[in-house]
């Protein structure tokens, strides 16, 4: 049974009972939560992230968490817990795992960039075999390694509640990615997964082949992040072959790979027939003008589902960028485009300036803004993009999902 919102009082009492000094950062967050009049009816996410503060805060330790968890165990209105960028270790992971086994209300848990290792991952994944409330888990940046990732792959074979899982930057390897792909051929609940930056020694793209095979049969996944996978044109071709038969995936992240215009040719052909993809991230590849033209041709005549396209830093010159600008004049569904880091010429600046000035392209929907010097038009960079809030979130409200800053931390599962 939930107690009335008095988290700070219960926290102080727990500190005294356990002879643990009070963490002033935790105390302040709990005091602010107690002032929320709607806490007991709408629930609340306790934001205890150790970064992004105007004044440095004492990071949450394993001992701090040991005091906090008993308090949260009595507070069913706490539905989210953000512990990112703290100093939690495997000991803290054990506390988290125990909490997950006993708690039935927590839906969101962010543990990104702590010091949790393989044994901590085993405990948390083990708890999720039985937990039936957690919907969204972020493990980003914890060095859980390939074996730690295997525990999560095993968990996906039995868990039917988790809908978003972020294992990006976790040093997972070939065996883990293969096991996850196999698990997702049967898992029907997971809707979004981040597998960015694994540690792969092979150049044969075996993981991409397994993921492509999974996409042929999976009908629940809507968001897939495959950045920094050393993916080349062969891998893109395998993914496209699979996506011809997939009607659920809406967001595909292929950023920071080794895709050239030959690989984009397959994506262009896919877009001509696929009417499901809404967001495509090709940031930091090398598609050049030929690849940009492949995309523009597909989007000009055939595709009317893609809403957001990122081609940042792809060695594209004015020829390819102008082709995409012309496409936007006819394809009204394509509302967001990110182009910074390419080679702008006079025509590029004029075309995108006109798109913005006429209202066809909103400033919140691109990463450039026009300005004039001596009567000539130039483009300046805006801090926008598909991965804008992947590693941090502003303390004020984040952009709405419609702003296309879509990723695991922005788009609500309910949106799907």
Protein backbone atom coordinates (compact mmCIF):
# COMPACT_ATOMS: atom_id res chain seq x y z
CA UNK A 1 0.00 0.00 0.00
CA UNK A 2 1.34 3.40 -0.98
CA UNK A 3 2.07 6.00 1.66
CA UNK A 4 1.28 9.68 1.31
CA UNK A 5 3.97 11.76 -0.41
CA UNK A 6 6.48 12.35 2.38
CA UNK A 7 9.58 10.98 0.76
CA UNK A 8 12.05 13.33 2.41
CA UNK A 9 10.89 12.49 5.94
CA UNK A 10 11.10 8.76 5.27
CA UNK A 11 14.55 9.22 3.72
CA UNK A 12 15.87 11.07 6.79
CA UNK A 13 14.48 8.35 9.05
CA UNK A 14 16.09 5.63 6.90
CA UNK A 15 19.45 7.42 7.07
CA UNK A 16 19.24 7.52 10.87
CA UNK A 17 18.20 3.89 11.15
CA UNK A 18 21.08 2.74 8.91
CA UNK A 19 23.61 5.24 10.32
CA UNK A 20 24.18 6.54 6.80
CA UNK A 21 24.89 10.25 6.15
CA UNK A 22 22.21 12.06 4.21
CA UNK A 23 23.04 12.85 0.58
CA UNK A 24 21.98 16.52 0.11
CA UNK A 25 21.27 15.99 -3.60
CA UNK A 26 18.86 13.13 -2.92
CA UNK A 27 17.29 15.08 -0.07
CA UNK A 28 16.64 18.09 -2.31
CA UNK A 29 15.08 15.99 -5.08
CA UNK A 30 12.79 14.27 -2.57
CA UNK A 31 11.78 17.60 -1.06
CA UNK A 32 10.85 18.88 -4.50
CA UNK A 33 8.87 15.71 -5.18
CA UNK A 34 6.93 16.13 -1.94
CA UNK A 35 5.75 19.54 -3.17
CA UNK A 36 4.15 18.01 -6.27
CA UNK A 37 0.40 17.96 -5.61
CA UNK A 38 -0.25 15.36 -8.31
CA UNK A 39 2.44 12.90 -7.24
CA UNK A 40 0.06 10.35 -5.75
CA UNK A 41 -2.35 10.39 -8.71
CA UNK A 42 -0.12 10.71 -11.76
CA UNK A 43 3.14 9.25 -10.51
CA UNK A 44 6.59 10.78 -10.77
CA UNK A 45 10.08 10.11 -12.09
CA UNK A 46 12.80 10.93 -9.56
CA UNK A 47 15.58 12.65 -11.52
CA UNK A 48 18.78 11.79 -9.68
CA UNK A 49 21.15 12.00 -12.64
CA UNK A 50 24.58 13.23 -11.60
CA UNK A 51 25.26 15.37 -14.69
CA UNK A 52 23.79 18.53 -16.20
CA UNK A 53 23.54 20.62 -13.05
CA UNK A 54 24.48 24.27 -12.75
CA UNK A 55 26.10 23.48 -9.43
CA UNK A 56 27.99 20.16 -8.99
CA UNK A 57 26.08 17.62 -6.93
CA UNK A 58 27.35 14.67 -4.85
CA UNK A 59 26.97 11.61 -7.09
CA UNK A 60 24.74 8.80 -5.85
CA UNK A 61 26.80 5.92 -4.40
CA UNK A 62 25.97 2.30 -3.65
CA UNK A 63 25.45 3.21 0.02
CA UNK A 64 23.14 6.10 -0.91
CA UNK A 65 21.07 3.75 -3.04
CA UNK A 66 20.87 1.23 -0.21
CA UNK A 67 19.14 3.87 1.92
CA UNK A 68 16.92 5.22 -0.86
CA UNK A 69 15.47 1.92 -2.08
CA UNK A 70 13.59 1.05 1.14
CA UNK A 71 11.97 4.48 0.96
CA UNK A 72 10.89 3.91 -2.65
CA UNK A 73 9.56 0.47 -1.76
CA UNK A 74 6.77 2.21 0.16
CA UNK A 75 6.03 4.74 -2.60
CA UNK A 76 4.00 3.23 -5.41
CA UNK A 77 3.64 6.67 -6.98
CA UNK A 78 7.34 6.62 -7.99
CA UNK A 79 7.08 5.15 -11.48
CA UNK A 80 10.46 6.30 -12.84
CA UNK A 81 14.02 6.46 -11.51
CA UNK A 82 16.83 8.29 -13.29
CA UNK A 83 20.24 7.36 -11.80
CA UNK A 84 22.36 8.21 -14.84
CA UNK A 85 25.93 9.51 -14.53
CA UNK A 86 26.49 8.41 -10.96
CA UNK A 87 29.05 6.05 -9.36
CA UNK A 88 26.98 2.91 -8.89
CA UNK A 89 28.91 -0.38 -9.09
CA UNK A 90 27.90 -4.04 -9.06
CA UNK A 91 26.97 -3.62 -5.38
CA UNK A 92 24.47 -0.95 -6.39
CA UNK A 93 23.23 -3.22 -9.17
CA UNK A 94 22.47 -5.86 -6.53
CA UNK A 95 20.33 -3.32 -4.66
CA UNK A 96 18.57 -2.41 -7.92
CA UNK A 97 17.95 -6.07 -8.74
CA UNK A 98 16.38 -6.73 -5.34
CA UNK A 99 14.19 -3.67 -5.78
CA UNK A 100 13.04 -4.84 -9.23
CA UNK A 101 12.10 -8.25 -7.83
CA UNK A 102 9.95 -6.70 -5.12
CA UNK A 103 8.59 -3.61 -6.90
CA UNK A 104 5.50 -3.69 -9.09
CA UNK A 105 5.12 -0.03 -10.09
CA UNK A 106 8.47 1.13 -11.52
CA UNK A 107 8.20 1.53 -15.31
CA UNK A 108 11.34 3.50 -16.20
CA UNK A 109 14.91 2.92 -14.97
CA UNK A 110 17.94 4.83 -16.27
CA UNK A 111 21.35 3.50 -15.15
CA UNK A 112 23.42 4.87 -18.03
CA UNK A 113 27.09 5.69 -17.48
CA UNK A 114 27.64 4.21 -14.06
CA UNK A 115 30.30 1.61 -13.19
CA UNK A 116 28.17 -1.53 -13.47
CA UNK A 117 30.01 -4.58 -14.82
CA UNK A 118 29.22 -8.12 -15.89
CA UNK A 119 28.07 -9.41 -12.49
CA UNK A 120 25.82 -6.38 -12.02
CA UNK A 121 24.28 -6.98 -15.43
CA UNK A 122 23.62 -10.60 -14.48
CA UNK A 123 21.73 -9.52 -11.36
CA UNK A 124 19.62 -6.90 -13.12
CA UNK A 125 18.82 -9.16 -16.07
CA UNK A 126 17.98 -11.97 -13.65
CA UNK A 127 15.52 -9.74 -11.81
CA UNK A 128 13.78 -8.94 -15.10
CA UNK A 129 12.97 -12.60 -15.63
CA UNK A 130 10.33 -12.09 -12.94
CA UNK A 131 9.62 -8.35 -12.99
CA UNK A 132 6.32 -7.47 -14.69
CA UNK A 133 6.30 -3.68 -14.45
CA UNK A 134 9.49 -2.25 -15.98
CA UNK A 135 8.90 -0.97 -19.52
CA UNK A 136 12.07 1.02 -20.27
CA UNK A 137 15.66 0.23 -19.20
CA UNK A 138 18.80 2.18 -20.11
CA UNK A 139 22.16 0.51 -19.45
CA UNK A 140 24.09 2.75 -21.86
CA UNK A 141 27.78 3.21 -21.17
CA UNK A 142 28.18 0.54 -18.49
CA UNK A 143 31.04 -1.85 -19.21
CA UNK A 144 28.97 -5.02 -18.96
CA UNK A 145 30.88 -6.70 -21.79
CA UNK A 146 29.80 -9.52 -24.04
CA UNK A 147 28.89 -11.85 -21.17
CA UNK A 148 26.79 -9.18 -19.48
CA UNK A 149 24.95 -8.64 -22.73
CA UNK A 150 24.29 -12.38 -22.97
CA UNK A 151 22.35 -12.21 -19.71
CA UNK A 152 20.05 -9.59 -21.24
CA UNK A 153 19.65 -11.72 -24.37
CA UNK A 154 18.54 -14.60 -22.15
CA UNK A 155 16.15 -12.29 -20.34
CA UNK A 156 14.49 -11.30 -23.62
CA UNK A 157 13.52 -14.93 -24.17
CA UNK A 158 11.20 -14.88 -21.13
CA UNK A 159 10.35 -11.24 -20.35
CA UNK A 160 7.10 -10.05 -21.92
CA UNK A 161 6.88 -6.60 -20.31
CA UNK A 162 10.01 -4.69 -21.32
CA UNK A 163 9.41 -2.49 -24.37
CA UNK A 164 12.62 -0.44 -24.62
CA UNK A 165 16.16 -1.62 -23.97
CA UNK A 166 19.30 0.47 -24.43
CA UNK A 167 22.58 -1.50 -24.53
CA UNK A 168 24.51 1.07 -26.54
CA UNK A 169 28.19 1.68 -25.66
CA UNK A 170 28.22 -1.35 -23.36
CA UNK A 171 31.14 -3.21 -25.01
CA UNK A 172 28.96 -6.13 -26.07
CA UNK A 173 30.28 -8.43 -28.78
CA UNK A 174 29.41 -10.79 -31.59
CA UNK A 175 27.92 -13.55 -29.42
CA UNK A 176 25.71 -11.10 -27.56
CA UNK A 177 24.33 -9.45 -30.70
CA UNK A 178 23.69 -12.83 -32.27
CA UNK A 179 21.88 -14.05 -29.15
CA UNK A 180 19.77 -10.89 -28.99
CA UNK A 181 18.81 -11.26 -32.65
CA UNK A 182 17.75 -14.86 -32.03
CA UNK A 183 15.77 -13.87 -28.92
CA UNK A 184 13.92 -11.16 -30.85
CA UNK A 185 12.64 -13.67 -33.37
CA UNK A 186 10.36 -14.89 -30.56
CA UNK A 187 9.99 -11.83 -28.30
CA UNK A 188 6.75 -9.97 -29.09
CA UNK A 189 6.93 -7.14 -26.55
CA UNK A 190 10.18 -5.25 -27.23
CA UNK A 191 9.55 -2.21 -29.42
CA UNK A 192 12.90 -0.36 -29.32
CA UNK A 193 16.50 -1.48 -28.87
CA UNK A 194 19.84 0.31 -29.01
CA UNK A 195 22.84 -1.83 -30.00
CA UNK A 196 25.23 1.00 -30.83
CA UNK A 197 29.01 0.59 -30.71
CA UNK A 198 29.64 -3.09 -30.00
CA UNK A 199 33.20 -4.41 -29.93
CA UNK A 200 33.52 -6.50 -33.09
CA UNK A 201 36.77 -8.09 -34.25
CA UNK A 202 35.37 -9.60 -37.46
CA UNK A 203 34.80 -7.65 -40.67
CA UNK A 204 32.37 -10.22 -42.09
CA UNK A 205 29.23 -8.45 -40.77
CA UNK A 206 27.83 -11.63 -39.23
CA UNK A 207 25.84 -9.59 -36.71
CA UNK A 208 24.08 -7.65 -39.46
CA UNK A 209 23.14 -10.92 -41.16
CA UNK A 210 21.59 -12.23 -37.93
CA UNK A 211 19.75 -8.95 -37.30
CA UNK A 212 18.43 -8.97 -40.87
CA UNK A 213 17.19 -12.53 -40.41
CA UNK A 214 15.42 -11.41 -37.23
CA UNK A 215 13.71 -8.50 -39.02
CA UNK A 216 12.14 -10.92 -41.47
CA UNK A 217 10.04 -12.50 -38.73
CA UNK A 218 9.83 -9.83 -36.01
CA UNK A 219 6.59 -7.84 -36.12
CA UNK A 220 6.87 -5.80 -32.93
CA UNK A 221 10.16 -3.86 -33.20
CA UNK A 222 9.62 -0.25 -34.30
CA UNK A 223 12.97 1.35 -33.42
CA UNK A 224 16.43 -0.11 -34.12
CA UNK A 225 19.79 1.56 -33.49
CA UNK A 226 22.81 0.04 -35.27
CA UNK A 227 25.33 2.88 -35.12
CA UNK A 228 29.10 2.27 -35.06
CA UNK A 229 28.77 -1.34 -36.22
CA UNK A 230 31.43 -1.13 -38.96
CA UNK A 231 28.55 -1.81 -41.35
CA UNK A 232 29.33 -1.67 -45.05
CA UNK A 233 27.31 -1.99 -48.25
CA UNK A 234 26.96 -5.76 -47.89
CA UNK A 235 25.27 -5.35 -44.52
CA UNK A 236 22.93 -2.65 -45.82
CA UNK A 237 21.88 -4.92 -48.65
CA UNK A 238 21.03 -7.72 -46.19
CA UNK A 239 18.96 -5.32 -44.05
CA UNK A 240 17.06 -4.00 -47.05
CA UNK A 241 16.26 -7.50 -48.25
CA UNK A 242 14.77 -8.23 -44.83
CA UNK A 243 12.84 -4.96 -44.60
CA UNK A 244 10.93 -5.70 -47.79
CA UNK A 245 9.07 -8.25 -45.65
CA UNK A 246 8.91 -6.14 -42.47
CA UNK A 247 5.95 -3.83 -41.89
CA UNK A 248 6.62 -2.69 -38.32
CA UNK A 249 10.02 -0.91 -38.22
CA UNK A 250 9.62 2.87 -38.23
CA UNK A 251 13.01 4.17 -37.08
CA UNK A 252 16.29 2.84 -38.50
CA UNK A 253 19.59 4.25 -37.22
CA UNK A 254 22.62 3.39 -39.39
CA UNK A 255 24.76 6.34 -38.33
CA UNK A 256 28.56 6.26 -38.01
CA UNK A 257 29.10 3.28 -40.29
CA UNK A 258 30.94 2.74 -43.59
CA UNK A 259 28.04 3.01 -46.01
CA UNK A 260 28.75 4.49 -49.45
CA UNK A 261 26.46 5.40 -52.35
CA UNK A 262 26.41 1.75 -53.45
CA UNK A 263 24.79 0.84 -50.14
CA UNK A 264 22.36 3.76 -50.36
CA UNK A 265 21.21 2.45 -53.73
CA UNK A 266 19.67 -0.50 -51.86
CA UNK A 267 18.04 1.92 -49.38
CA UNK A 268 16.65 3.94 -52.28
CA UNK A 269 15.07 0.83 -53.79
CA UNK A 270 13.70 -0.10 -50.37
CA UNK A 271 12.09 3.32 -49.92
CA UNK A 272 10.32 2.94 -53.25
CA UNK A 273 8.41 -0.06 -51.89
CA UNK A 274 8.50 0.35 -48.12
CA UNK A 275 5.76 2.59 -46.72
CA UNK A 276 6.54 1.96 -43.04
CA UNK A 277 9.88 3.65 -42.30
CA UNK A 278 9.41 7.14 -40.87
CA UNK A 279 12.91 8.03 -39.62
CA UNK A 280 16.22 7.18 -41.33
CA UNK A 281 19.54 8.21 -39.78
CA UNK A 282 22.57 8.02 -42.10
CA UNK A 283 24.67 10.49 -40.14
CA UNK A 284 28.47 10.15 -40.55
CA UNK A 285 28.63 7.76 -43.48
CA UNK A 286 29.92 8.57 -46.98
CA UNK A 287 26.99 8.50 -49.37
CA UNK A 288 28.18 11.55 -51.41
CA UNK A 289 26.13 13.15 -54.21
CA UNK A 290 25.25 9.87 -55.92
CA UNK A 291 23.74 8.50 -52.71
CA UNK A 292 21.83 11.72 -52.01
CA UNK A 293 20.36 11.58 -55.52
CA UNK A 294 19.30 7.95 -55.02
CA UNK A 295 17.41 9.06 -51.90
CA UNK A 296 15.90 12.13 -53.56
CA UNK A 297 14.59 10.09 -56.50
CA UNK A 298 12.92 7.57 -54.21
CA UNK A 299 11.40 10.28 -52.04
CA UNK A 300 10.32 12.45 -54.96
CA UNK A 301 8.05 9.97 -56.69
CA UNK A 302 7.60 6.80 -54.71
CA UNK A 303 7.88 7.13 -50.95
CA UNK A 304 5.33 8.99 -48.82
CA UNK A 305 6.08 7.57 -45.38
CA UNK A 306 9.54 8.92 -44.47
CA UNK A 307 9.25 11.96 -42.22
CA UNK A 308 12.81 12.55 -41.00
CA UNK A 309 16.16 12.07 -42.77
CA UNK A 310 19.64 12.72 -41.38
CA UNK A 311 22.53 12.88 -43.86
CA UNK A 312 24.91 14.88 -41.65
CA UNK A 313 28.63 14.61 -42.58
CA UNK A 314 28.32 12.48 -45.70
CA UNK A 315 30.63 14.35 -48.09
CA UNK A 316 27.66 15.62 -50.11
CA UNK A 317 28.13 18.72 -52.27
CA UNK A 318 25.62 21.18 -53.70
CA UNK A 319 24.45 18.79 -56.41
CA UNK A 320 23.09 16.22 -53.98
CA UNK A 321 21.81 18.71 -51.42
CA UNK A 322 19.92 20.75 -54.04
CA UNK A 323 18.30 17.54 -55.31
CA UNK A 324 16.99 16.81 -51.81
CA UNK A 325 15.80 20.42 -51.41
CA UNK A 326 13.82 20.11 -54.66
CA UNK A 327 12.35 16.84 -53.41
CA UNK A 328 10.99 18.59 -50.31
CA UNK A 329 9.01 20.95 -52.52
CA UNK A 330 6.94 18.02 -53.77
CA UNK A 331 7.09 15.48 -50.94
CA UNK A 332 5.11 17.11 -48.15
CA UNK A 333 5.49 14.10 -45.84
CA UNK A 334 9.25 14.64 -45.47
CA UNK A 335 9.22 17.32 -42.77
CA UNK A 336 12.64 16.98 -41.06
CA UNK A 337 16.05 16.97 -42.70
CA UNK A 338 19.51 17.37 -41.14
CA UNK A 339 22.37 18.30 -43.51
CA UNK A 340 25.18 19.97 -41.52
CA UNK A 341 28.75 18.77 -42.09
CA UNK A 342 28.45 18.53 -45.88
CA UNK A 343 29.87 20.85 -48.56
CA UNK A 344 27.53 23.79 -48.96
CA UNK A 345 27.71 25.92 -52.10
CA UNK A 346 25.75 29.00 -53.12
CA UNK A 347 22.83 27.00 -54.57
CA UNK A 348 22.55 24.86 -51.42
CA UNK A 349 22.33 27.95 -49.20
CA UNK A 350 19.73 29.58 -51.45
CA UNK A 351 17.56 26.48 -51.78
CA UNK A 352 17.42 25.68 -48.06
CA UNK A 353 16.99 29.35 -47.20
CA UNK A 354 13.92 29.46 -49.42
CA UNK A 355 12.52 26.29 -47.88
CA UNK A 356 12.85 27.86 -44.43
CA UNK A 357 11.62 31.33 -45.36
CA UNK A 358 8.51 29.98 -47.10
CA UNK A 359 7.69 27.83 -44.08
CA UNK A 360 8.12 24.55 -45.93
CA UNK A 361 10.96 23.62 -43.56
CA UNK A 362 10.65 24.74 -39.94
CA UNK A 363 13.73 25.84 -38.00
CA UNK A 364 12.91 23.20 -35.42
CA UNK A 365 12.96 20.57 -38.14
CA UNK A 366 16.49 21.06 -39.45
CA UNK A 367 19.99 21.79 -38.21
CA UNK A 368 20.70 24.89 -40.32
CA UNK A 369 19.50 28.50 -40.31
CA UNK A 370 20.05 31.10 -43.06
CA UNK A 371 21.84 34.42 -42.59
CA UNK A 372 23.14 37.08 -44.98
CA UNK A 373 26.50 38.80 -45.26
CA UNK A 374 27.02 41.36 -48.01
CA UNK A 375 23.81 40.28 -49.69
CA UNK A 376 24.91 36.65 -49.94
CA UNK A 377 23.06 33.82 -48.19
CA UNK A 378 24.89 31.40 -45.88
CA UNK A 379 23.78 28.61 -43.54
CA UNK A 380 24.66 28.45 -39.84
CA UNK A 381 24.49 25.33 -37.68
CA UNK A 382 21.66 24.73 -35.22
CA UNK A 383 21.99 22.27 -32.35
CA UNK A 384 19.32 19.94 -33.68
CA UNK A 385 19.38 16.34 -34.77
CA UNK A 386 18.01 12.85 -34.36
CA UNK A 387 20.47 12.04 -31.57
CA UNK A 388 20.21 15.39 -29.84
CA UNK A 389 19.30 13.96 -26.44
CA UNK A 390 20.84 10.52 -26.68
CA UNK A 391 23.40 11.09 -23.93
CA UNK A 392 21.85 13.96 -22.01
CA UNK A 393 18.48 15.60 -21.49
CA UNK A 394 17.75 19.24 -20.57
CA UNK A 395 16.41 19.91 -17.11
CA UNK A 396 13.48 21.68 -18.74
CA UNK A 397 10.92 19.71 -20.73
CA UNK A 398 12.38 17.90 -23.74
CA UNK A 399 11.11 18.48 -27.25
CA UNK A 400 7.86 16.82 -28.19
CA UNK A 401 8.13 13.60 -30.22
CA UNK A 402 6.89 15.55 -33.24
CA UNK A 403 10.17 17.45 -33.26
CA UNK A 404 11.81 14.23 -34.53
CA UNK A 405 14.49 14.14 -31.88
CA UNK A 406 13.37 10.55 -31.77
CA UNK A 407 15.37 8.03 -29.84
CA UNK A 408 14.97 5.74 -26.88
CA UNK A 409 14.91 8.56 -24.36
CA UNK A 410 12.45 10.78 -26.26
CA UNK A 411 9.73 8.80 -28.02
CA UNK A 412 7.16 7.34 -25.64
CA UNK A 413 6.20 3.74 -26.18
CA UNK A 414 2.57 4.85 -26.29
CA UNK A 415 3.37 6.79 -29.47
CA UNK A 416 3.50 3.46 -31.26
